[in-house]
Amino acid sequence: MSTPHNEAKQGEIAKTVIMPGDPLRAKYIAENFLENVKLVNQVRGMYAYTGNYQGKEITVMASGMGMPSMGIYSYELYQFYEVENIIRIGSCGGYKPELKLFDIVLSENVFSEGNFALTLNNEDCHIVAASEALNSKIIETAKEANTSVVVGNTVCTDCFDVYMTDVNQFLTRIPENFNPVSAEMEAFALFYVAKVLNKKASCLMSIVDSKFIKEIATPEERQNGLNAMIKLALDTALKI
């Protein structure tokens, strides 16, 4: 069975999916980390590859940018392909001065001021949590590998925050004491879809820009320079 957005057949998608936003990052992971790889989807250029990582079957599939795109692909993976776990791996903007480029962030809760939950499920929900079980596995794996991870709340925006006319006004609308460490554009949709369908989801991110840092990671660095985060997600998948 396929969907309007995914041509993979039943059985071609693993129970655990590693999900970057960028299709070329999915291709990079498949070519550099997986063995016996098969391209199982290329509809709309949203590549999905299934292969083996240290003997375990894993799928890596792109989500595209923004909550609508993530919402479609994560829903179909969970609902029609019987996926149990999705670990989003992506880039984010840092909201704390101590965060440096390529620091790894793990989201605990994510806030959106948008209406994704209301539209999908008629629920006025703006904060949703990651899977505690999945996050615990990621933290455990990071400690074993001596990989530093910043765990905290994040915001999910409807537009690229760097282009906001005044990001500080947006920050005043975030609930008091939420205290976000970073911002990205997909995690709320992923976490909310997982909640609705009783599945597991986590979000790992690497800092690629910050309101406190002048440097911004290049497109090539964003695509290929995030190996520590990628390996953390894959090593965690071995424990699931």
C-alpha atoms as a PDB file:
ATOM      1  CA  MET A   1       0.000   0.000   0.000  1.00  0.00           C
ATOM      2  CA  SER A   2       1.242   3.470  -0.884  1.00  0.00           C
ATOM      3  CA  THR A   3      -0.125   6.941  -0.090  1.00  0.00           C
ATOM      4  CA  PRO A   4      -0.448  10.077  -2.243  1.00  0.00           C
ATOM      5  CA  HIS A   5       2.927  11.170  -0.851  1.00  0.00           C
ATOM      6  CA  ASN A   6       4.821   7.919  -0.322  1.00  0.00           C
ATOM      7  CA  GLU A   7       5.295   5.145  -2.887  1.00  0.00           C
ATOM      8  CA  ALA A   8       6.924   2.700  -0.458  1.00  0.00           C
ATOM      9  CA  LYS A   9       5.249  -0.696  -0.258  1.00  0.00           C
ATOM     10  CA  GLN A  10       4.173  -2.298   2.988  1.00  0.00           C
ATOM     11  CA  GLY A  11       7.203  -3.801   4.706  1.00  0.00           C
ATOM     12  CA  GLU A  12       9.657  -1.366   3.090  1.00  0.00           C
ATOM     13  CA  ILE A  13       9.589   1.111   6.005  1.00  0.00           C
ATOM     14  CA  ALA A  14      11.247   0.140   9.300  1.00  0.00           C
ATOM     15  CA  LYS A  15       9.571   0.500  12.698  1.00  0.00           C
ATOM     16  CA  THR A  16      12.041   3.264  13.580  1.00  0.00           C
ATOM     17  CA  VAL A  17      12.536   6.234  11.260  1.00  0.00           C
ATOM     18  CA  ILE A  18      15.283   8.846  11.451  1.00  0.00           C
ATOM     19  CA  MET A  19      13.799  11.997   9.935  1.00  0.00           C
ATOM     20  CA  PRO A  20      15.842  14.957   8.715  1.00  0.00           C
ATOM     21  CA  GLY A  21      14.095  17.805   6.967  1.00  0.00           C
ATOM     22  CA  ASP A  22      16.411  17.919   3.971  1.00  0.00           C
ATOM     23  CA  PRO A  23      16.092  15.123   1.360  1.00  0.00           C
ATOM     24  CA  LEU A  24      19.809  15.457   0.595  1.00  0.00           C
ATOM     25  CA  ARG A  25      20.605  14.910   4.266  1.00  0.00           C
ATOM     26  CA  ALA A  26      18.557  11.705   4.112  1.00  0.00           C
ATOM     27  CA  LYS A  27      20.606  10.668   1.070  1.00  0.00           C
ATOM     28  CA  TYR A  28      23.844  11.549   2.871  1.00  0.00           C
ATOM     29  CA  ILE A  29      22.909   9.434   5.900  1.00  0.00           C
ATOM     30  CA  ALA A  30      21.870   6.473   3.767  1.00  0.00           C
ATOM     31  CA  GLU A  31      25.087   6.561   1.744  1.00  0.00           C
ATOM     32  CA  ASN A  32      27.445   7.092   4.672  1.00  0.00           C
ATOM     33  CA  PHE A  33      25.897   5.218   7.599  1.00  0.00           C
ATOM     34  CA  LEU A  34      23.632   2.437   6.308  1.00  0.00           C
ATOM     35  CA  GLU A  35      24.324  -0.853   4.553  1.00  0.00           C
ATOM     36  CA  ASN A  36      22.189  -2.741   2.022  1.00  0.00           C
ATOM     37  CA  VAL A  37      20.319   0.456   1.312  1.00  0.00           C
ATOM     38  CA  LYS A  38      17.181   0.640  -0.809  1.00  0.00           C
ATOM     39  CA  LEU A  39      15.516   3.848  -2.019  1.00  0.00           C
ATOM     40  CA  VAL A  40      11.851   3.258  -1.196  1.00  0.00           C
ATOM     41  CA  ASN A  41      10.344   6.678  -1.876  1.00  0.00           C
ATOM     42  CA  GLN A  42      11.155   9.590  -4.147  1.00  0.00           C
ATOM     43  CA  VAL A  43       7.704  11.120  -4.653  1.00  0.00           C
ATOM     44  CA  ARG A  44       8.089  14.928  -4.685  1.00  0.00           C
ATOM     45  CA  GLY A  45      11.810  14.380  -4.141  1.00  0.00           C
ATOM     46  CA  MET A  46      11.172  13.428  -0.494  1.00  0.00           C
ATOM     47  CA  TYR A  47      13.664  10.593  -0.371  1.00  0.00           C
ATOM     48  CA  ALA A  48      13.224   7.630   1.953  1.00  0.00           C
ATOM     49  CA  TYR A  49      15.862   4.914   2.305  1.00  0.00           C
ATOM     50  CA  THR A  50      15.694   1.679   4.259  1.00  0.00           C
ATOM     51  CA  GLY A  51      18.860  -0.177   5.194  1.00  0.00           C
ATOM     52  CA  ASN A  52      20.800  -1.713   8.048  1.00  0.00           C
ATOM     53  CA  TYR A  53      22.731   0.101  10.741  1.00  0.00           C
ATOM     54  CA  GLN A  54      24.938  -2.285  12.696  1.00  0.00           C
ATOM     55  CA  GLY A  55      22.525  -5.073  11.772  1.00  0.00           C
ATOM     56  CA  LYS A  56      19.283  -3.269  12.606  1.00  0.00           C
ATOM     57  CA  GLU A  57      16.801  -2.216   9.954  1.00  0.00           C
ATOM     58  CA  ILE A  58      16.251   1.549   9.955  1.00  0.00           C
ATOM     59  CA  THR A  59      14.543   3.944   7.586  1.00  0.00           C
ATOM     60  CA  VAL A  60      15.768   7.478   7.040  1.00  0.00           C
ATOM     61  CA  MET A  61      13.227   9.767   5.386  1.00  0.00           C
ATOM     62  CA  ALA A  62      13.026  13.492   4.792  1.00  0.00           C
ATOM     63  CA  SER A  63      10.109  15.518   6.149  1.00  0.00           C
ATOM     64  CA  GLY A  64      10.519  18.743   4.213  1.00  0.00           C
ATOM     65  CA  MET A  65      10.269  22.134   5.903  1.00  0.00           C
ATOM     66  CA  GLY A  66       7.507  23.330   8.192  1.00  0.00           C
ATOM     67  CA  MET A  67       4.702  21.777  10.201  1.00  0.00           C
ATOM     68  CA  PRO A  68       2.319  21.019   7.292  1.00  0.00           C
ATOM     69  CA  SER A  69       4.955  18.919   5.532  1.00  0.00           C
ATOM     70  CA  MET A  70       6.071  17.160   8.718  1.00  0.00           C
ATOM     71  CA  GLY A  71       2.440  16.582   9.647  1.00  0.00           C
ATOM     72  CA  ILE A  72       1.713  14.765   6.390  1.00  0.00           C
ATOM     73  CA  TYR A  73       4.773  12.515   6.359  1.00  0.00           C
ATOM     74  CA  SER A  74       4.763  11.619  10.058  1.00  0.00           C
ATOM     75  CA  TYR A  75       1.020  10.872  10.016  1.00  0.00           C
ATOM     76  CA  GLU A  76       1.375   8.548   7.047  1.00  0.00           C
ATOM     77  CA  LEU A  77       4.392   6.778   8.504  1.00  0.00           C
ATOM     78  CA  TYR A  78       2.638   6.130  11.817  1.00  0.00           C
ATOM     79  CA  GLN A  79      -0.847   5.394  10.468  1.00  0.00           C
ATOM     80  CA  PHE A  80      -0.230   3.532   7.205  1.00  0.00           C
ATOM     81  CA  TYR A  81       3.289   2.079   7.558  1.00  0.00           C
ATOM     82  CA  GLU A  82       3.051   0.994  11.219  1.00  0.00           C
ATOM     83  CA  VAL A  83       6.070   3.042  12.266  1.00  0.00           C
ATOM     84  CA  GLU A  84       6.455   3.161  16.054  1.00  0.00           C
ATOM     85  CA  ASN A  85       9.295   5.657  16.581  1.00  0.00           C
ATOM     86  CA  ILE A  86      10.383   8.786  14.729  1.00  0.00           C
ATOM     87  CA  ILE A  87      13.505  10.690  15.735  1.00  0.00           C
ATOM     88  CA  ARG A  88      13.623  14.033  13.983  1.00  0.00           C
ATOM     89  CA  ILE A  89      17.163  15.271  13.359  1.00  0.00           C
ATOM     90  CA  GLY A  90      17.415  18.823  12.193  1.00  0.00           C
ATOM     91  CA  SER A  91      18.882  22.257  12.520  1.00  0.00           C
ATOM     92  CA  CYS A  92      17.765  24.974  14.895  1.00  0.00           C
ATOM     93  CA  GLY A  93      18.453  28.500  16.037  1.00  0.00           C
ATOM     94  CA  GLY A  94      19.924  29.019  19.480  1.00  0.00           C
ATOM     95  CA  TYR A  95      18.088  31.136  22.048  1.00  0.00           C
ATOM     96  CA  LYS A  96      20.699  30.967  24.803  1.00  0.00           C
ATOM     97  CA  PRO A  97      24.031  32.850  24.742  1.00  0.00           C
ATOM     98  CA  GLU A  98      25.983  29.828  25.979  1.00  0.00           C
ATOM     99  CA  LEU A  99      25.013  27.695  22.972  1.00  0.00           C
ATOM    100  CA  LYS A 100      27.618  27.382  20.211  1.00  0.00           C
ATOM    101  CA  LEU A 101      27.319  26.353  16.561  1.00  0.00           C
ATOM    102  CA  PHE A 102      26.694  22.605  16.224  1.00  0.00           C
ATOM    103  CA  ASP A 103      25.809  22.085  19.890  1.00  0.00           C
ATOM    104  CA  ILE A 104      23.174  19.326  20.081  1.00  0.00           C
ATOM    105  CA  VAL A 105      19.751  20.072  21.574  1.00  0.00           C
ATOM    106  CA  LEU A 106      17.112  17.528  22.647  1.00  0.00           C
ATOM    107  CA  SER A 107      13.582  18.885  22.914  1.00  0.00           C
ATOM    108  CA  GLU A 108      11.526  18.060  26.008  1.00  0.00           C
ATOM    109  CA  ASN A 109       8.437  20.147  25.220  1.00  0.00           C
ATOM    110  CA  VAL A 110       7.678  22.239  22.166  1.00  0.00           C
ATOM    111  CA  PHE A 111       5.502  25.348  21.889  1.00  0.00           C
ATOM    112  CA  SER A 112       3.694  26.596  18.786  1.00  0.00           C
ATOM    113  CA  GLU A 113       1.429  29.614  18.601  1.00  0.00           C
ATOM    114  CA  GLY A 114      -0.084  28.168  15.428  1.00  0.00           C
ATOM    115  CA  ASN A 115      -3.263  26.128  15.045  1.00  0.00           C
ATOM    116  CA  PHE A 116      -1.925  22.791  13.828  1.00  0.00           C
ATOM    117  CA  ALA A 117      -3.612  20.869  16.665  1.00  0.00           C
ATOM    118  CA  LEU A 118      -6.885  22.746  16.255  1.00  0.00           C
ATOM    119  CA  THR A 119      -7.001  22.058  12.528  1.00  0.00           C
ATOM    120  CA  LEU A 120      -5.986  18.396  12.761  1.00  0.00           C
ATOM    121  CA  ASN A 121      -7.837  17.373  15.879  1.00  0.00           C
ATOM    122  CA  ASN A 122     -10.116  20.232  17.038  1.00  0.00           C
ATOM    123  CA  GLU A 123      -7.944  20.723  20.130  1.00  0.00           C
ATOM    124  CA  ASP A 124      -6.721  24.120  21.269  1.00  0.00           C
ATOM    125  CA  CYS A 125      -3.254  22.800  22.129  1.00  0.00           C
ATOM    126  CA  HIS A 126      -0.040  24.796  21.879  1.00  0.00           C
ATOM    127  CA  ILE A 127       2.442  22.789  23.981  1.00  0.00           C
ATOM    128  CA  VAL A 128       3.187  19.112  23.439  1.00  0.00           C
ATOM    129  CA  ALA A 129       5.853  16.822  24.888  1.00  0.00           C
ATOM    130  CA  ALA A 130       8.338  14.445  23.352  1.00  0.00           C
ATOM    131  CA  SER A 131       8.230  10.766  24.242  1.00  0.00           C
ATOM    132  CA  GLU A 132       9.822  10.397  27.670  1.00  0.00           C
ATOM    133  CA  ALA A 133      10.818   6.819  26.888  1.00  0.00           C
ATOM    134  CA  LEU A 134      12.510   7.790  23.633  1.00  0.00           C
ATOM    135  CA  ASN A 135      14.200  10.838  25.133  1.00  0.00           C
ATOM    136  CA  SER A 136      15.541   8.695  27.965  1.00  0.00           C
ATOM    137  CA  LYS A 137      17.139   6.343  25.427  1.00  0.00           C
ATOM    138  CA  ILE A 138      18.742   9.291  23.641  1.00  0.00           C
ATOM    139  CA  ILE A 139      20.139  10.711  26.883  1.00  0.00           C
ATOM    140  CA  GLU A 140      21.445   7.278  27.901  1.00  0.00           C
ATOM    141  CA  THR A 141      23.107   6.804  24.517  1.00  0.00           C
ATOM    142  CA  ALA A 142      24.671  10.271  24.634  1.00  0.00           C
ATOM    143  CA  LYS A 143      26.174   9.597  28.062  1.00  0.00           C
ATOM    144  CA  GLU A 144      27.662   6.300  26.893  1.00  0.00           C
ATOM    145  CA  ALA A 145      29.265   8.051  23.917  1.00  0.00           C
ATOM    146  CA  ASN A 146      30.378  11.064  25.968  1.00  0.00           C
ATOM    147  CA  THR A 147      28.343  13.274  23.631  1.00  0.00           C
ATOM    148  CA  SER A 148      27.166  16.542  25.131  1.00  0.00           C
ATOM    149  CA  VAL A 149      23.443  17.226  24.733  1.00  0.00           C
ATOM    150  CA  VAL A 150      21.460  20.243  25.926  1.00  0.00           C
ATOM    151  CA  VAL A 151      18.002  19.121  27.072  1.00  0.00           C
ATOM    152  CA  GLY A 152      15.301  21.783  27.161  1.00  0.00           C
ATOM    153  CA  ASN A 153      12.108  23.255  25.799  1.00  0.00           C
ATOM    154  CA  THR A 154      11.950  24.509  22.224  1.00  0.00           C
ATOM    155  CA  VAL A 155       9.661  26.613  20.063  1.00  0.00           C
ATOM    156  CA  CYS A 156       8.279  25.631  16.669  1.00  0.00           C
ATOM    157  CA  THR A 157       7.654  28.614  14.412  1.00  0.00           C
ATOM    158  CA  ASP A 158       5.482  29.098  11.331  1.00  0.00           C
ATOM    159  CA  CYS A 159       8.246  30.990   9.563  1.00  0.00           C
ATOM    160  CA  PHE A 160      12.056  31.030   9.651  1.00  0.00           C
ATOM    161  CA  ASP A 161      12.772  32.990  12.822  1.00  0.00           C
ATOM    162  CA  VAL A 162      15.788  34.733  11.270  1.00  0.00           C
ATOM    163  CA  TYR A 163      13.334  36.486   8.916  1.00  0.00           C
ATOM    164  CA  MET A 164      10.971  37.689  11.659  1.00  0.00           C
ATOM    165  CA  THR A 165      10.687  41.481  11.719  1.00  0.00           C
ATOM    166  CA  ASP A 166      11.052  41.398  15.509  1.00  0.00           C
ATOM    167  CA  VAL A 167      11.845  38.066  17.131  1.00  0.00           C
ATOM    168  CA  ASN A 168      11.696  39.688  20.575  1.00  0.00           C
ATOM    169  CA  GLN A 169       7.969  40.370  20.119  1.00  0.00           C
ATOM    170  CA  PHE A 170       7.478  36.688  19.319  1.00  0.00           C
ATOM    171  CA  LEU A 171       9.362  35.774  22.487  1.00  0.00           C
ATOM    172  CA  THR A 172       6.938  37.853  24.593  1.00  0.00           C
ATOM    173  CA  ARG A 173       4.089  35.609  23.378  1.00  0.00           C
ATOM    174  CA  ILE A 174       5.704  32.406  24.620  1.00  0.00           C
ATOM    175  CA  PRO A 175       4.099  31.163  27.870  1.00  0.00           C
ATOM    176  CA  GLU A 176       5.737  32.402  31.035  1.00  0.00           C
ATOM    177  CA  ASN A 177       8.405  30.068  32.454  1.00  0.00           C
ATOM    178  CA  PHE A 178       8.567  28.012  29.227  1.00  0.00           C
ATOM    179  CA  ASN A 179      12.148  29.244  28.766  1.00  0.00           C
ATOM    180  CA  PRO A 180      13.024  27.901  25.285  1.00  0.00           C
ATOM    181  CA  VAL A 181      16.617  27.045  24.418  1.00  0.00           C
ATOM    182  CA  SER A 182      16.110  26.963  20.631  1.00  0.00           C
ATOM    183  CA  ALA A 183      13.715  27.312  17.717  1.00  0.00           C
ATOM    184  CA  GLU A 184      12.878  25.141  14.708  1.00  0.00           C
ATOM    185  CA  MET A 185       9.887  24.561  12.410  1.00  0.00           C
ATOM    186  CA  GLU A 186       8.682  20.926  12.524  1.00  0.00           C
ATOM    187  CA  ALA A 187       8.720  19.364  15.995  1.00  0.00           C
ATOM    188  CA  PHE A 188       5.280  20.477  17.182  1.00  0.00           C
ATOM    189  CA  ALA A 189       3.577  18.719  14.274  1.00  0.00           C
ATOM    190  CA  LEU A 190       5.637  15.569  14.832  1.00  0.00           C
ATOM    191  CA  PHE A 191       4.992  15.444  18.578  1.00  0.00           C
ATOM    192  CA  TYR A 192       1.300  16.204  18.200  1.00  0.00           C
ATOM    193  CA  VAL A 193       0.724  13.575  15.514  1.00  0.00           C
ATOM    194  CA  ALA A 194       2.543  11.048  17.709  1.00  0.00           C
ATOM    195  CA  LYS A 195       0.308  12.009  20.632  1.00  0.00           C
ATOM    196  CA  VAL A 196      -2.885  11.607  18.594  1.00  0.00           C
ATOM    197  CA  LEU A 197      -1.814   8.228  17.200  1.00  0.00           C
ATOM    198  CA  ASN A 198      -0.221   6.937  20.446  1.00  0.00           C
ATOM    199  CA  LYS A 199       3.269   6.656  18.948  1.00  0.00           C
ATOM    200  CA  LYS A 200       6.732   7.845  20.038  1.00  0.00           C
ATOM    201  CA  ALA A 201       8.605  10.900  18.774  1.00  0.00           C
ATOM    202  CA  SER A 202      11.736  12.821  19.702  1.00  0.00           C
ATOM    203  CA  CYS A 203      13.597  15.745  18.204  1.00  0.00           C
ATOM    204  CA  LEU A 204      17.372  16.166  18.109  1.00  0.00           C
ATOM    205  CA  MET A 205      18.756  19.400  16.669  1.00  0.00           C
ATOM    206  CA  SER A 206      22.093  21.018  15.980  1.00  0.00           C
ATOM    207  CA  ILE A 207      22.569  24.751  16.405  1.00  0.00           C
ATOM    208  CA  VAL A 208      23.237  26.352  13.007  1.00  0.00           C
ATOM    209  CA  ASP A 209      22.494  29.987  13.864  1.00  0.00           C
ATOM    210  CA  SER A 210      21.838  32.093  16.940  1.00  0.00           C
ATOM    211  CA  LYS A 211      20.733  35.582  17.908  1.00  0.00           C
ATOM    212  CA  PHE A 212      23.941  35.675  19.956  1.00  0.00           C
ATOM    213  CA  ILE A 213      26.362  34.483  17.227  1.00  0.00           C
ATOM    214  CA  LYS A 214      27.289  36.309  14.024  1.00  0.00           C
ATOM    215  CA  GLU A 215      28.282  33.144  12.155  1.00  0.00           C
ATOM    216  CA  ILE A 216      25.656  31.041  10.362  1.00  0.00           C
ATOM    217  CA  ALA A 217      26.316  27.484   9.206  1.00  0.00           C
ATOM    218  CA  THR A 218      26.615  27.141   5.436  1.00  0.00           C
ATOM    219  CA  PRO A 219      24.203  24.963   3.408  1.00  0.00           C
ATOM    220  CA  GLU A 220      26.982  22.369   2.997  1.00  0.00           C
ATOM    221  CA  GLU A 221      27.649  22.324   6.750  1.00  0.00           C
ATOM    222  CA  ARG A 222      23.923  21.957   7.426  1.00  0.00           C
ATOM    223  CA  GLN A 223      23.738  18.996   5.048  1.00  0.00           C
ATOM    224  CA  ASN A 224      26.935  17.136   5.904  1.00  0.00           C
ATOM    225  CA  GLY A 225      28.395  18.611   9.083  1.00  0.00           C
ATOM    226  CA  LEU A 226      25.984  17.202  11.635  1.00  0.00           C
ATOM    227  CA  ASN A 227      27.523  13.756  12.049  1.00  0.00           C
ATOM    228  CA  ALA A 228      27.569  13.726  15.855  1.00  0.00           C
ATOM    229  CA  MET A 229      23.808  14.282  15.968  1.00  0.00           C
ATOM    230  CA  ILE A 230      23.210  11.757  13.194  1.00  0.00           C
ATOM    231  CA  LYS A 231      25.269   9.080  14.937  1.00  0.00           C
ATOM    232  CA  LEU A 232      23.506   9.745  18.244  1.00  0.00           C
ATOM    233  CA  ALA A 233      20.124   9.176  16.611  1.00  0.00           C
ATOM    234  CA  LEU A 234      21.270   6.001  14.863  1.00  0.00           C
ATOM    235  CA  ASP A 235      22.943   4.587  17.980  1.00  0.00           C
ATOM    236  CA  THR A 236      19.769   5.284  19.935  1.00  0.00           C
ATOM    237  CA  ALA A 237      17.751   3.391  17.333  1.00  0.00           C
ATOM    238  CA  LEU A 238      19.772   0.286  18.199  1.00  0.00           C
ATOM    239  CA  LYS A 239      18.298   0.365  21.721  1.00  0.00           C
ATOM    240  CA  ILE A 240      14.661   0.678  20.648  1.00  0.00           C
END
